[in-house]
N, C-alpha and C. Protein backbone atom coordinates (compact mmCIF):
# COMPACT_ATOMS: atom_id res chain seq x y z
N UNK A 1 -2.20 0.17 -16.47
CA UNK A 1 -3.11 -0.73 -16.79
C UNK A 1 -4.02 -0.85 -15.82
N UNK A 2 -3.34 -1.20 -14.67
CA UNK A 2 -4.10 -1.56 -13.35
C UNK A 2 -4.93 -0.29 -12.88
N UNK A 3 -4.64 0.84 -13.34
CA UNK A 3 -5.43 1.89 -12.86
C UNK A 3 -6.95 1.99 -13.68
N UNK A 4 -6.63 1.42 -14.89
CA UNK A 4 -7.50 1.48 -15.70
C UNK A 4 -8.43 0.10 -15.91
N UNK A 5 -8.32 -0.44 -14.87
CA UNK A 5 -9.17 -1.69 -14.52
C UNK A 5 -8.70 -2.96 -15.90
N UNK A 6 -7.51 -2.67 -16.38
CA UNK A 6 -6.93 -3.30 -17.55
C UNK A 6 -7.24 -4.85 -17.14
N UNK A 7 -7.82 -6.02 -17.45
CA UNK A 7 -7.75 -7.23 -16.93
C UNK A 7 -6.29 -8.03 -16.51
N UNK A 8 -5.54 -7.58 -17.60
CA UNK A 8 -4.01 -8.60 -17.43
C UNK A 8 -3.33 -7.38 -16.78
N UNK A 9 -3.66 -6.07 -16.36
CA UNK A 9 -2.61 -4.94 -15.85
C UNK A 9 -1.70 -5.81 -15.04
N UNK A 10 -2.29 -6.35 -13.91
CA UNK A 10 -1.50 -6.96 -12.80
C UNK A 10 -0.60 -7.76 -12.99
N UNK A 11 -0.61 -8.34 -13.98
CA UNK A 11 0.17 -9.88 -14.93
C UNK A 11 1.27 -8.92 -15.30
N UNK A 12 1.00 -7.59 -16.06
CA UNK A 12 2.01 -7.14 -16.51
C UNK A 12 3.29 -6.26 -15.80
N UNK A 13 2.37 -5.76 -14.54
CA UNK A 13 3.45 -4.76 -13.66
C UNK A 13 4.17 -6.08 -12.92
N UNK A 14 3.51 -7.51 -12.48
CA UNK A 14 4.34 -8.42 -11.82
C UNK A 14 5.55 -8.76 -12.64
N UNK A 15 4.94 -8.79 -14.22
CA UNK A 15 6.54 -9.31 -15.04
C UNK A 15 7.53 -8.31 -14.89
N UNK A 16 7.05 -6.92 -14.88
CA UNK A 16 7.76 -5.81 -15.30
C UNK A 16 8.88 -6.18 -13.87
N UNK A 17 8.31 -6.17 -12.99
CA UNK A 17 8.99 -6.04 -11.75
C UNK A 17 9.96 -7.16 -11.73
N UNK A 18 9.64 -8.41 -12.76
CA UNK A 18 10.57 -9.54 -12.81
C UNK A 18 11.92 -9.13 -13.80
N UNK A 19 11.30 -8.36 -14.68
CA UNK A 19 12.29 -8.24 -15.53
C UNK A 19 13.34 -7.01 -15.21
N UNK A 20 12.71 -5.94 -14.28
CA UNK A 20 13.77 -5.18 -13.91
C UNK A 20 13.53 -4.71 -12.58
N UNK A 21 14.57 -5.38 -11.61
CA UNK A 21 14.43 -5.62 -10.00
C UNK A 21 14.50 -3.68 -9.73
N UNK A 22 14.75 -3.25 -10.48
CA UNK A 22 15.05 -1.60 -10.20
C UNK A 22 13.87 -0.78 -10.93
N UNK A 23 12.74 -1.19 -10.88
CA UNK A 23 11.60 -0.59 -11.58
C UNK A 23 10.91 0.43 -9.99
N UNK A 24 10.31 1.11 -10.80
CA UNK A 24 9.67 2.38 -10.04
C UNK A 24 9.19 1.54 -8.77
N UNK A 25 9.06 1.91 -7.77
CA UNK A 25 8.31 1.58 -6.20
C UNK A 25 6.59 1.39 -6.50
N UNK A 26 6.41 2.48 -7.16
CA UNK A 26 4.50 2.72 -7.32
C UNK A 26 4.32 1.31 -8.06
N UNK A 27 5.26 0.67 -8.84
CA UNK A 27 4.68 -0.42 -9.84
C UNK A 27 4.84 -1.44 -8.52
N UNK A 28 5.75 -1.78 -7.70
CA UNK A 28 5.42 -2.93 -6.29
C UNK A 28 4.26 -2.42 -6.02
N UNK A 29 3.88 -1.24 -5.37
CA UNK A 29 2.93 -0.91 -4.66
C UNK A 29 1.62 -1.14 -5.02
N UNK A 30 1.48 -0.93 -6.73
CA UNK A 30 0.08 -1.07 -7.42
C UNK A 30 0.04 -3.06 -7.18
N UNK A 31 1.20 -3.61 -7.30
CA UNK A 31 0.69 -4.88 -7.51
C UNK A 31 0.30 -5.59 -6.01
N UNK A 32 1.04 -4.70 -5.29
CA UNK A 32 0.65 -5.09 -3.74
C UNK A 32 -0.80 -4.89 -3.39
N UNK A 33 -1.50 -3.44 -4.08
CA UNK A 33 -2.69 -3.22 -3.78
C UNK A 33 -3.63 -4.31 -4.34
N UNK A 34 -3.21 -4.59 -5.50
CA UNK A 34 -4.07 -5.63 -6.14
C UNK A 34 -4.21 -6.81 -5.10
N UNK A 35 -3.18 -7.38 -4.76
CA UNK A 35 -3.14 -8.40 -3.82
C UNK A 35 -3.93 -8.43 -2.83
N UNK A 36 -3.86 -6.99 -2.26
CA UNK A 36 -4.70 -6.59 -1.27
C UNK A 36 -5.91 -6.94 -1.05
N UNK A 37 -6.65 -6.42 -2.45
CA UNK A 37 -7.87 -6.27 -3.08
C UNK A 37 -8.53 -7.85 -3.04
N UNK A 38 -7.72 -8.71 -3.50
CA UNK A 38 -7.86 -10.04 -3.46
C UNK A 38 -8.12 -10.85 -2.11
N UNK A 39 -7.60 -9.97 -1.13
CA UNK A 39 -7.18 -10.56 0.30
C UNK A 39 -6.07 -11.32 0.51
N UNK A 40 -4.77 -11.54 -0.47
CA UNK A 40 -3.96 -12.24 -0.26
C UNK A 40 -2.89 -11.20 0.91
N UNK A 41 -2.72 -11.10 2.09
CA UNK A 41 -2.01 -10.33 2.61
C UNK A 41 -0.72 -10.62 2.46
N UNK A 42 -0.64 -11.70 3.07
CA UNK A 42 0.87 -12.22 3.25
C UNK A 42 1.68 -12.05 1.77
N UNK A 43 1.24 -12.27 0.69
CA UNK A 43 2.06 -11.99 -0.62
C UNK A 43 2.08 -10.61 -0.70
N UNK A 44 1.54 -9.86 -0.28
CA UNK A 44 1.48 -8.61 -0.64
C UNK A 44 2.55 -7.91 0.61
N UNK A 45 2.60 -8.19 1.80
CA UNK A 45 3.46 -8.17 3.02
C UNK A 45 5.12 -8.35 2.34
N UNK A 46 4.89 -9.75 1.70
CA UNK A 46 6.28 -10.20 1.15
C UNK A 46 6.74 -9.43 -0.03
N UNK A 47 5.90 -8.87 -0.74
CA UNK A 47 6.65 -8.06 -1.92
C UNK A 47 6.83 -6.73 -1.51
N UNK A 48 5.81 -5.97 -0.67
CA UNK A 48 6.18 -5.00 -0.03
C UNK A 48 7.74 -4.82 0.86
N UNK A 49 7.88 -5.77 1.66
CA UNK A 49 9.11 -6.06 2.61
C UNK A 49 10.19 -6.02 1.69
N UNK A 50 10.11 -6.98 0.70
CA UNK A 50 11.47 -7.25 -0.48
C UNK A 50 11.77 -5.60 -0.85
N UNK A 51 10.65 -5.22 -1.13
CA UNK A 51 11.13 -3.65 -2.11
C UNK A 51 11.41 -2.67 -0.91
N UNK A 52 11.25 -2.46 0.09
CA UNK A 52 11.33 -1.58 1.08
C UNK A 52 12.59 -1.79 1.67
N UNK A 53 13.04 -2.98 1.97
CA UNK A 53 14.56 -3.27 2.21
C UNK A 53 15.51 -3.43 1.22
N UNK A 54 15.00 -3.04 -0.12
CA UNK A 54 16.12 -2.81 -0.91
C UNK A 54 16.45 -1.28 -1.38
N UNK A 55 15.36 -0.56 -1.18
CA UNK A 55 15.21 0.45 -1.78
C UNK A 55 15.97 1.86 -0.76
N UNK A 56 16.90 2.61 -1.40
CA UNK A 56 17.16 3.94 -0.24
C UNK A 56 16.26 4.81 0.08
N UNK A 57 15.20 5.12 -0.69
CA UNK A 57 14.51 5.82 -0.24
C UNK A 57 13.12 5.15 0.49
N UNK A 58 12.23 5.84 0.52
CA UNK A 58 10.79 5.86 1.14
C UNK A 58 9.73 5.98 0.21
N UNK A 59 9.02 5.18 0.52
CA UNK A 59 7.67 5.45 -0.84
C UNK A 59 6.55 5.24 -0.23
N UNK A 60 5.73 6.42 -0.09
CA UNK A 60 4.50 6.00 0.84
C UNK A 60 3.34 5.06 0.12
N UNK A 61 3.41 4.82 -0.94
CA UNK A 61 2.55 3.79 -1.79
C UNK A 61 3.01 2.38 -0.99
N UNK A 62 4.27 2.35 -1.22
CA UNK A 62 4.80 0.98 -0.68
C UNK A 62 4.44 1.02 0.84
N UNK A 63 4.76 2.08 2.08
CA UNK A 63 4.62 2.02 2.89
C UNK A 63 3.13 1.51 3.09
N UNK A 64 2.32 2.31 2.72
CA UNK A 64 0.75 2.13 2.78
C UNK A 64 0.30 0.94 2.55
N UNK A 65 0.71 -0.22 1.69
CA UNK A 65 0.23 -1.36 1.34
C UNK A 65 1.35 -2.28 2.05
N UNK A 66 2.53 -2.05 2.90
CA UNK A 66 3.00 -2.59 3.77
C UNK A 66 2.06 -2.39 5.22
N UNK A 67 1.77 -1.19 5.22
CA UNK A 67 0.96 -1.46 6.66
C UNK A 67 -0.54 -1.72 6.62
N UNK A 68 -1.14 -1.67 5.69
CA UNK A 68 -2.26 -2.61 5.24
C UNK A 68 -2.38 -4.10 5.28
N UNK A 69 -1.58 -4.75 4.46
CA UNK A 69 -0.93 -6.12 4.58
C UNK A 69 -1.07 -6.39 6.19
N UNK A 70 -0.09 -5.55 6.97
CA UNK A 70 0.41 -6.10 8.27
C UNK A 70 -1.07 -5.98 8.95
N UNK A 71 -1.80 -5.13 8.71
CA UNK A 71 -3.11 -4.98 9.55
C UNK A 71 -4.08 -6.25 9.16
N UNK A 72 -4.12 -6.40 7.87
CA UNK A 72 -4.64 -7.54 7.76
C UNK A 72 -4.41 -9.01 8.25
N UNK A 73 -2.94 -8.99 8.58
CA UNK A 73 -2.26 -10.26 8.72
C UNK A 73 -2.47 -10.29 10.61
N UNK A 74 -3.16 -9.30 11.13
CA UNK A 74 -3.37 -8.82 12.72
C UNK A 74 -1.87 -8.47 13.51
N UNK A 75 -1.57 -7.97 12.43
CA UNK A 75 0.06 -7.19 13.32
C UNK A 75 -0.57 -5.85 13.44
N UNK A 76 -1.31 -5.28 14.34
CA UNK A 76 -1.89 -3.93 14.36
C UNK A 76 -0.93 -3.13 15.06
N UNK A 77 -0.10 -3.63 16.15
CA UNK A 77 0.92 -2.74 16.51
C UNK A 77 1.81 -2.18 15.45
N UNK A 78 2.34 -2.88 14.55
CA UNK A 78 3.09 -2.84 13.42
C UNK A 78 2.54 -1.89 12.48
N UNK A 79 1.20 -2.08 12.08
CA UNK A 79 0.67 -1.03 11.14
C UNK A 79 0.38 -0.04 11.97
N UNK A 80 -0.17 0.26 13.07
CA UNK A 80 -0.22 1.77 13.59
C UNK A 80 0.89 2.49 13.64
N UNK A 81 2.09 1.37 13.69
CA UNK A 81 3.61 2.35 13.86
C UNK A 81 3.77 2.84 12.56
N UNK A 82 3.51 2.18 11.30
CA UNK A 82 3.89 2.47 10.29
C UNK A 82 3.16 3.66 9.89
N UNK A 83 1.57 3.85 10.41
CA UNK A 83 0.22 4.56 9.87
C UNK A 83 0.95 5.97 10.91
N UNK A 84 1.68 5.86 11.99
CA UNK A 84 1.82 7.01 12.84
C UNK A 84 3.30 7.93 12.04
N UNK A 85 3.99 7.13 11.31
CA UNK A 85 4.86 7.68 10.64
C UNK A 85 4.75 8.28 9.38
N UNK A 86 3.85 7.54 8.94
CA UNK A 86 2.93 8.34 7.57
C UNK A 86 2.36 9.33 7.84
N UNK A 87 1.48 9.57 8.70
CA UNK A 87 0.72 10.91 9.03
C UNK A 87 1.44 11.70 9.48
N UNK A 88 2.29 11.72 10.34
CA UNK A 88 3.16 12.46 10.93
C UNK A 88 4.58 13.02 9.69
N UNK A 89 4.68 12.25 8.77
CA UNK A 89 5.65 12.66 7.60
C UNK A 89 4.84 14.10 6.97
N UNK A 90 3.44 14.12 6.80
CA UNK A 90 2.86 15.20 5.99
C UNK A 90 2.26 15.92 7.13
N UNK A 91 2.74 16.01 8.47
CA UNK A 91 2.26 17.22 9.45
C UNK A 91 1.23 16.91 9.84
N UNK A 92 0.29 15.41 9.91
CA UNK A 92 -0.68 15.49 10.56
C UNK A 92 -0.58 14.38 11.56
N UNK A 93 -1.76 13.92 12.48
CA UNK A 93 -1.45 13.47 13.47
C UNK A 93 -1.76 11.84 13.10
N UNK A 94 -1.36 10.77 14.20
CA UNK A 94 -1.82 9.40 13.91
C UNK A 94 -3.62 9.29 13.93
N UNK A 95 -4.26 10.06 14.76
CA UNK A 95 -5.80 10.15 14.81
C UNK A 95 -6.05 10.91 13.28
N UNK A 96 -5.40 11.17 12.42
CA UNK A 96 -5.92 11.69 11.23
C UNK A 96 -6.80 10.73 10.28
N UNK A 97 -7.83 11.13 9.41
CA UNK A 97 -8.39 9.83 8.98
C UNK A 97 -7.38 9.44 7.68
N UNK A 98 -8.04 8.21 7.40
CA UNK A 98 -7.11 7.69 6.31
C UNK A 98 -7.35 8.59 5.07
N UNK A 99 -8.46 9.12 4.80
CA UNK A 99 -8.42 10.00 3.54
C UNK A 99 -7.90 11.63 3.58
N UNK A 100 -7.78 11.84 4.94
CA UNK A 100 -6.95 13.18 4.55
C UNK A 100 -5.38 13.02 4.49
N UNK A 101 -5.02 11.57 5.05
CA UNK A 101 -3.93 11.07 4.64
C UNK A 101 -3.37 10.94 3.02
N UNK A 102 -4.11 10.24 2.78
CA UNK A 102 -4.11 9.61 1.31
C UNK A 102 -4.46 10.87 0.42
N UNK A 103 -5.36 11.75 0.47
CA UNK A 103 -4.97 13.43 -0.29
C UNK A 103 -3.93 14.05 -0.08
N UNK A 104 -3.14 13.46 0.78
CA UNK A 104 -1.63 14.25 0.68
C UNK A 104 -1.17 14.04 -0.48
N UNK A 105 -1.29 13.07 -0.95
CA UNK A 105 -0.50 12.51 -1.93
C UNK A 105 -0.79 11.71 -3.19
N UNK A 106 -2.15 11.57 -2.97
CA UNK A 106 -2.76 10.62 -4.13
C UNK A 106 -3.95 11.76 -5.28
N UNK A 107 -4.00 11.93 -6.43
CA UNK A 107 -4.68 13.05 -6.79
C UNK A 107 -6.30 11.95 -7.50
N UNK A 108 -6.04 10.84 -7.58
CA UNK A 108 -7.06 9.76 -7.98
C UNK A 108 -8.15 9.69 -6.88
N UNK A 109 -9.50 10.16 -7.38
CA UNK A 109 -10.75 10.13 -6.29
C UNK A 109 -10.97 8.13 -6.31
N UNK A 110 -10.84 7.88 -7.43
CA UNK A 110 -11.11 6.36 -7.78
C UNK A 110 -10.27 5.54 -6.99
N UNK A 111 -9.17 5.99 -7.24
CA UNK A 111 -7.97 4.93 -5.93
C UNK A 111 -8.07 5.34 -4.85
N UNK A 112 -8.10 6.47 -4.28
CA UNK A 112 -8.48 6.76 -2.88
C UNK A 112 -9.54 5.93 -2.38
N UNK A 113 -10.77 5.61 -3.24
CA UNK A 113 -12.09 5.35 -2.83
C UNK A 113 -11.26 3.67 -2.50
N UNK A 114 -10.96 3.02 -3.14
CA UNK A 114 -10.39 1.44 -3.46
C UNK A 114 -9.45 1.46 -2.22
N UNK A 115 -8.32 2.41 -2.09
CA UNK A 115 -7.54 1.90 -0.76
C UNK A 115 -8.39 2.02 0.68
N UNK A 116 -9.45 3.13 0.35
CA UNK A 116 -10.36 3.37 1.84
C UNK A 116 -10.96 2.03 1.79
N UNK A 117 -11.41 1.04 0.84
CA UNK A 117 -12.17 -0.19 0.76
C UNK A 117 -11.15 -0.91 1.76
N UNK A 118 -9.91 -0.75 0.96
CA UNK A 118 -9.07 -2.05 1.66
C UNK A 118 -8.74 -1.76 3.15
N UNK A 119 -8.84 -0.25 3.66
CA UNK A 119 -8.39 0.11 4.82
C UNK A 119 -9.54 -0.53 5.65
N UNK A 120 -10.63 -0.18 5.29
CA UNK A 120 -11.68 -0.98 5.92
C UNK A 120 -11.69 -2.06 6.49
N UNK A 121 -11.32 -2.92 5.30
CA UNK A 121 -11.47 -4.39 5.49
C UNK A 121 -9.94 -4.65 6.40
N UNK A 122 -9.18 -4.33 6.26
CA UNK A 122 -7.90 -4.12 7.08
C UNK A 122 -8.15 -4.11 8.65
N UNK A 123 -9.01 -3.46 9.15
CA UNK A 123 -9.53 -3.19 10.48
C UNK A 123 -8.37 -2.88 11.52
N UNK A 124 -7.39 -1.85 10.79
CA UNK A 124 -6.03 -1.27 11.47
C UNK A 124 -6.37 -0.54 12.84
N UNK A 125 -7.77 -0.03 12.82
CA UNK A 125 -8.03 1.00 13.95
C UNK A 125 -8.89 0.39 15.00
N UNK A 126 -9.25 -1.25 14.52
CA UNK A 126 -10.26 -1.99 15.77
C UNK A 126 -8.86 -2.82 16.38
N UNK A 127 -9.57 -2.74 17.84
CA UNK A 127 -8.81 -3.29 18.82
C UNK A 127 -8.54 -4.68 18.97
């Protein structure tokens, strides 16, 4: 619903997370991305931290939203550390472009464009 710009999509996804703490990590990442798009980096960071700590597996979308939230909160070193881990996990370098890394697992060009907009606002690569 979020991907189709359904107005209440975020509310439904957040409610799904409340009802099922074992919900797919991509749902948490989608909600966190919506928070970032609104500029609420602190809430996005809290949500992603909670799910990353409780998950036995890594999820690239959750790591991405955590990284973007960290950058938006001024924690550039932490954001760059996560970025390096993500990029090298796909056989790329930390100097790879965001699009190059995102294209490794996201097929939806609209979603990539939305994430790149948040990426630009995060200022992760600015000193």
